[in-house]
Amino acid sequence: MDSLDFRLDHPLRSFALGVELQVGRETLALVGPSGAGKSSILRAIAGLFRPAAGRIELGAETWLDTERRISLPPERRSVGLVFQEYALFPHLTVESNIGFGGRGRVRELLERFGISALARARPADLSGGERQRVALARALARDPAVLLLDEPLSALDAHTKATVRAELGALLRELRLPTILVTHDFEDAAALADRVGVIVDGRILQLGPSQGLLAAPASGFVASFTGANLLPGTARPGPDGLTEIALDSGTTAFSTAPGAGRVGVVVYPWEIALSSTEPVDSALNHVRGAVTSLVPLGNRVRVAVGPLTAEVTTGSAERLGLREGDLVVASFKATATRLVAL
């Protein structure tokens, strides 16, 4: 299967979009805040807007080359596009919506997505998950060579989202099309994509497997966006070859990572243990503070303690009897303490 190669340069309102990427038989997620340029990339690939400069190629086929004045219209680009709000035609039935993408595969796709019983229904009668399945079926009815997904899970409630995310992940692994998914949710990106690119102000800050971004964030922004605690401080050589960091909050932390001068201490919530008293264990870093919030997340609880957010199992939270206002100790190891330049 051909790969999708593109380079796009275009001035936007407050910054210039500038990206160059290659997408093979994989799902690439572009994750970043609203207004970072993510949807503009999808629209350019689909042919819905023409950038000031760039090229888009699928194998030997050129969809866009501004230097050679080539710009194929959307209908000549083999793209399946799922819009953020699905953009289903309200006056058409499910069957007709899918048929708008391509009539030859309607029955097959109705069965594949388990929506045959909804063939005569209209979008207003569907749940969020059902609408998403119809939108995906319509996109695939074109038998596209490239699949583009614009915030495909953002319109779903939390309960539906988990189910649909699992279904979408299985579908993408089966299709193995060059797929670009844009989202502001790193958890969605990590669950669905082979590679993740963090994009801010039209530029890719870091690109790689999600585990690589978690293990070695390239900047404080990437660390925060992937869900880490980011604590500013000043680093200097410490005892036993460790780096000692005087945190701005007044606490001292230690890391096995090298660092000097102004740094950000990066530690993920699931790497933090909580206890009612300072534990006797191998963790070198201990932060005392009051519990300011407890947020249940399925079988886990996110607990805010001073400048940190920890994530513990529901069982651990119950054993500690955690309540807002309780004084606890948040502990994390030097080996789990990453440093980024500030």
Foldseek 3Di string as FASTA:
>chain_A
DWKKWKWAWADDDPFIATDTDIFALWEEEEAEDPPLCQVVVVCCLLLVDPGPAMWIDGHPRTQDHVVVPHHHHNVPAQEQEQEQQRPFDQVAFLLVSLCVLPNPCSVVLCVVLVNPVRRRPGPVPDDLLVSLSSSVSSSCNNVGQEYEYENSQPVDDPVVSVVSLVVQQVVSVVVSHRYYYYDNAVVSSLSRTQKYFYTGNNDTPDMGHLVVCCVDPAAPVSLVSNAWQKFKFFWDQDPPCWIWTCTPVRFIAIANDDDGGIKIKTAHQAQKDKDLDDDPDQFPDKDKFFWADWDDDPQWIWTDGVSDIHIGGPVSCVVRVDDGGRIMIITGHNHRIDIYHD
